[in-house]
Amino acid sequence: MLNIVIFGAPGSGKGTQSDKLIEHYNLFHISTGDVLRDHIRRGTELGKTAKGYIDQGQLVPDELIIDILAQVLDDNKEQATQGVIFDGFPRTIPQAEALEQLLADRGTQIDAVVGLEVPEEELIKRILLRGQMSGRSDDNEETARKRLETYHNQTSPLKAYYEEKGKYRAINGLGSIDGIFDLIKESLDTL
């Protein structure tokens, strides 16, 4: 079993590399954003609670996200036998600690945190290009810079947290998609 957190700033290539990791290692993918949207769409109790926070412009509390993740893991034990890739979670140290406890309660742990490291100006270029290609209105320079600032303030402290635990795998996020993936595989295959 291989449990991975894919980590990096907006525009670092997390989605692209997640897809390759899922296929190569036969991992079960958990994107907290996708899971939240699904619960809201289906009108579950968890979804209704989450929607209440979102509609008020608030972040969904960590406890609620952990409850949702626990349910996803418990409902998908068969699909997750090879391992899980966590995409978009954790974003803060308290979330990382809660995820550790959630996994420990199920007799497993995070094996590696794949950190895609890309210089800031390259991230901006990628986000703007993605916006032009996909038509995503949130992929403009002002929003991109705000998202990167939020990332640096809230999420980047996780790098030191996971480095201290010996789980962080720094990956140069510049280069071809396949070249970057080869670096990730090299790092993970030593586990």
Protein backbone atom coordinates (compact mmCIF):
# COMPACT_ATOMS: atom_id res chain seq x y z
CA MET A 1 0.00 0.00 0.00
CA LEU A 2 1.27 3.44 -0.95
CA ASN A 3 -0.40 6.55 0.48
CA ILE A 4 0.75 9.80 -1.09
CA VAL A 5 -0.02 13.48 -0.63
CA ILE A 6 0.56 15.50 -3.80
CA PHE A 7 1.76 18.91 -2.75
CA GLY A 8 2.56 22.15 -4.53
CA ALA A 9 1.43 25.65 -5.32
CA PRO A 10 -1.40 26.38 -7.76
CA GLY A 11 -0.05 25.78 -11.26
CA SER A 12 2.68 23.36 -10.12
CA GLY A 13 1.21 20.43 -12.05
CA LYS A 14 -0.47 18.53 -9.20
CA GLY A 15 -3.46 17.46 -11.30
CA THR A 16 -1.35 16.30 -14.22
CA GLN A 17 1.07 14.32 -12.05
CA SER A 18 -1.79 12.94 -9.91
CA ASP A 19 -3.31 11.37 -13.02
CA LYS A 20 0.01 9.72 -13.89
CA LEU A 21 0.54 8.48 -10.31
CA ILE A 22 -2.98 7.04 -10.14
CA GLU A 23 -2.46 5.13 -13.36
CA HIS A 24 1.09 3.93 -12.64
CA TYR A 25 0.57 2.82 -9.02
CA ASN A 26 -3.16 1.97 -9.26
CA LEU A 27 -4.01 4.45 -6.50
CA PHE A 28 -7.42 5.58 -5.32
CA HIS A 29 -7.72 9.35 -5.84
CA ILE A 30 -9.28 11.61 -3.24
CA SER A 31 -9.69 15.24 -4.21
CA THR A 32 -11.32 17.05 -1.32
CA GLY A 33 -12.79 19.65 -3.70
CA ASP A 34 -14.41 16.94 -5.84
CA VAL A 35 -15.70 15.09 -2.78
CA LEU A 36 -17.23 18.24 -1.30
CA ARG A 37 -18.91 19.16 -4.59
CA ASP A 38 -20.28 15.61 -4.89
CA HIS A 39 -21.77 15.67 -1.36
CA ILE A 40 -23.33 19.07 -2.04
CA ARG A 41 -24.73 17.91 -5.40
CA ARG A 42 -26.23 14.77 -3.82
CA GLY A 43 -27.66 16.73 -0.90
CA THR A 44 -26.16 14.48 1.80
CA GLU A 45 -26.19 15.68 5.41
CA LEU A 46 -22.45 16.36 5.20
CA GLY A 47 -23.02 18.17 1.90
CA LYS A 48 -25.79 20.35 3.35
CA THR A 49 -23.57 21.30 6.29
CA ALA A 50 -20.62 22.08 3.99
CA LYS A 51 -22.86 24.10 1.66
CA GLY A 52 -23.99 26.22 4.62
CA TYR A 53 -20.41 27.27 5.29
CA ILE A 54 -19.60 27.82 1.62
CA ASP A 55 -22.75 29.88 1.02
CA GLN A 56 -21.67 32.18 3.87
CA GLY A 57 -18.25 32.58 2.26
CA GLN A 58 -16.55 30.57 5.01
CA LEU A 59 -14.06 27.72 4.78
CA VAL A 60 -15.43 24.28 5.53
CA PRO A 61 -14.13 23.37 9.03
CA ASP A 62 -11.37 20.78 9.26
CA GLU A 63 -13.53 18.44 11.36
CA LEU A 64 -16.17 18.30 8.64
CA ILE A 65 -13.60 17.62 5.91
CA ILE A 66 -12.06 14.86 8.05
CA ASP A 67 -15.51 13.31 8.56
CA ILE A 68 -16.05 13.36 4.80
CA LEU A 69 -12.61 11.84 4.14
CA ALA A 70 -13.26 9.12 6.71
CA GLN A 71 -16.51 8.25 4.96
CA VAL A 72 -14.81 8.18 1.53
CA LEU A 73 -12.05 5.89 2.83
CA ASP A 74 -14.51 3.58 4.58
CA ASP A 75 -16.83 3.43 1.55
CA ASN A 76 -13.98 2.68 -0.87
CA LYS A 77 -11.82 0.12 0.96
CA GLU A 78 -11.76 -2.18 -2.08
CA GLN A 79 -10.61 0.53 -4.50
CA ALA A 80 -7.99 1.80 -2.03
CA THR A 81 -6.17 -1.50 -1.47
CA GLN A 82 -3.09 -0.34 -3.46
CA GLY A 83 -3.08 3.03 -1.71
CA VAL A 84 -4.51 6.52 -1.89
CA ILE A 85 -3.36 9.81 -3.35
CA PHE A 86 -4.63 12.85 -1.45
CA ASP A 87 -5.04 15.86 -3.72
CA GLY A 88 -5.81 19.25 -2.16
CA PHE A 89 -5.55 17.99 1.39
CA PRO A 90 -4.00 18.63 3.82
CA ARG A 91 -3.55 22.37 3.40
CA THR A 92 -2.58 23.21 6.99
CA ILE A 93 -0.63 21.54 9.79
CA PRO A 94 -3.79 20.87 11.87
CA GLN A 95 -5.28 19.13 8.79
CA ALA A 96 -2.08 17.08 8.41
CA GLU A 97 -2.29 16.01 12.04
CA ALA A 98 -5.97 15.09 11.66
CA LEU A 99 -5.19 13.09 8.50
CA GLU A 100 -2.42 11.22 10.32
CA GLN A 101 -4.86 10.27 13.08
CA LEU A 102 -7.55 9.27 10.57
CA LEU A 103 -5.12 6.96 8.79
CA ALA A 104 -3.62 5.60 12.04
CA ASP A 105 -7.15 4.66 13.14
CA ARG A 106 -7.31 2.55 9.96
CA GLY A 107 -3.87 1.00 10.47
CA THR A 108 -2.04 2.97 7.80
CA GLN A 109 -0.12 6.20 7.26
CA ILE A 110 1.13 8.73 4.70
CA ASP A 111 4.18 7.17 3.04
CA ALA A 112 5.37 10.17 1.03
CA VAL A 113 4.56 13.77 0.25
CA VAL A 114 5.42 14.58 -3.37
CA GLY A 115 6.31 18.27 -3.43
CA LEU A 116 6.31 19.80 -6.89
CA GLU A 117 8.65 22.77 -6.67
CA VAL A 118 8.25 25.46 -9.33
CA PRO A 119 9.50 29.09 -9.30
CA GLU A 120 6.82 31.73 -8.66
CA GLU A 121 6.97 33.45 -12.06
CA GLU A 122 6.65 30.09 -13.84
CA LEU A 123 3.57 29.34 -11.71
CA ILE A 124 1.98 32.65 -12.79
CA LYS A 125 2.76 31.88 -16.47
CA ARG A 126 1.23 28.41 -16.18
CA ILE A 127 -1.92 29.64 -14.44
CA LEU A 128 -2.46 32.38 -17.05
CA LEU A 129 -1.88 29.89 -19.89
CA ARG A 130 -4.31 27.44 -18.30
CA GLY A 131 -6.87 30.25 -18.07
CA GLN A 132 -6.45 31.09 -21.75
CA MET A 133 -6.78 27.43 -22.76
CA SER A 134 -9.63 26.42 -20.47
CA GLY A 135 -11.51 29.69 -20.14
CA ARG A 136 -11.33 29.44 -16.33
CA SER A 137 -12.20 32.94 -15.16
CA ASP A 138 -10.28 32.48 -11.88
CA ASP A 139 -7.02 31.95 -13.81
CA ASN A 140 -6.09 35.62 -14.17
CA GLU A 141 -2.97 37.34 -12.82
CA GLU A 142 -4.59 39.09 -9.85
CA THR A 143 -6.37 35.96 -8.66
CA ALA A 144 -3.28 33.83 -9.33
CA ARG A 145 -1.13 36.08 -7.16
CA LYS A 146 -3.74 36.02 -4.36
CA ARG A 147 -3.94 32.21 -4.53
CA LEU A 148 -0.15 31.96 -4.38
CA GLU A 149 -0.05 34.33 -1.40
CA THR A 150 -2.64 32.20 0.40
CA TYR A 151 -0.64 29.09 -0.47
CA HIS A 152 2.58 30.59 0.92
CA ASN A 153 0.89 31.77 4.12
CA GLN A 154 -1.22 28.70 4.91
CA THR A 155 0.04 25.67 3.03
CA SER A 156 3.79 26.01 2.51
CA PRO A 157 4.52 25.43 6.27
CA LEU A 158 3.53 21.81 5.56
CA LYS A 159 6.80 21.37 3.67
CA ALA A 160 8.85 21.80 6.86
CA TYR A 161 6.33 19.68 8.80
CA TYR A 162 6.73 16.73 6.42
CA GLU A 163 10.49 17.27 5.99
CA GLU A 164 10.84 16.86 9.76
CA LYS A 165 9.01 13.53 9.50
CA GLY A 166 11.24 12.42 6.63
CA LYS A 167 8.28 12.10 4.25
CA TYR A 168 8.76 15.11 1.97
CA ARG A 169 10.10 14.33 -1.51
CA ALA A 170 11.18 17.54 -3.27
CA ILE A 171 10.61 17.21 -7.03
CA ASN A 172 11.80 19.76 -9.58
CA GLY A 173 8.53 20.73 -11.26
CA LEU A 174 10.23 22.22 -14.33
CA GLY A 175 10.61 20.17 -17.47
CA SER A 176 8.48 17.82 -19.50
CA ILE A 177 5.50 16.09 -17.91
CA ASP A 178 7.12 12.69 -18.42
CA GLY A 179 10.50 13.90 -17.17
CA ILE A 180 8.93 15.21 -13.97
CA PHE A 181 7.02 11.95 -13.56
CA ASP A 182 10.27 9.98 -13.93
CA LEU A 183 11.73 12.00 -11.04
CA ILE A 184 8.65 11.24 -8.92
CA LYS A 185 8.86 7.50 -9.69
CA GLU A 186 12.57 7.46 -8.87
CA SER A 187 11.83 9.02 -5.50
CA LEU A 188 8.84 6.80 -4.67
CA ASP A 189 10.43 3.57 -5.82
CA THR A 190 12.99 3.90 -3.00
CA LEU A 191 10.25 3.50 -0.37
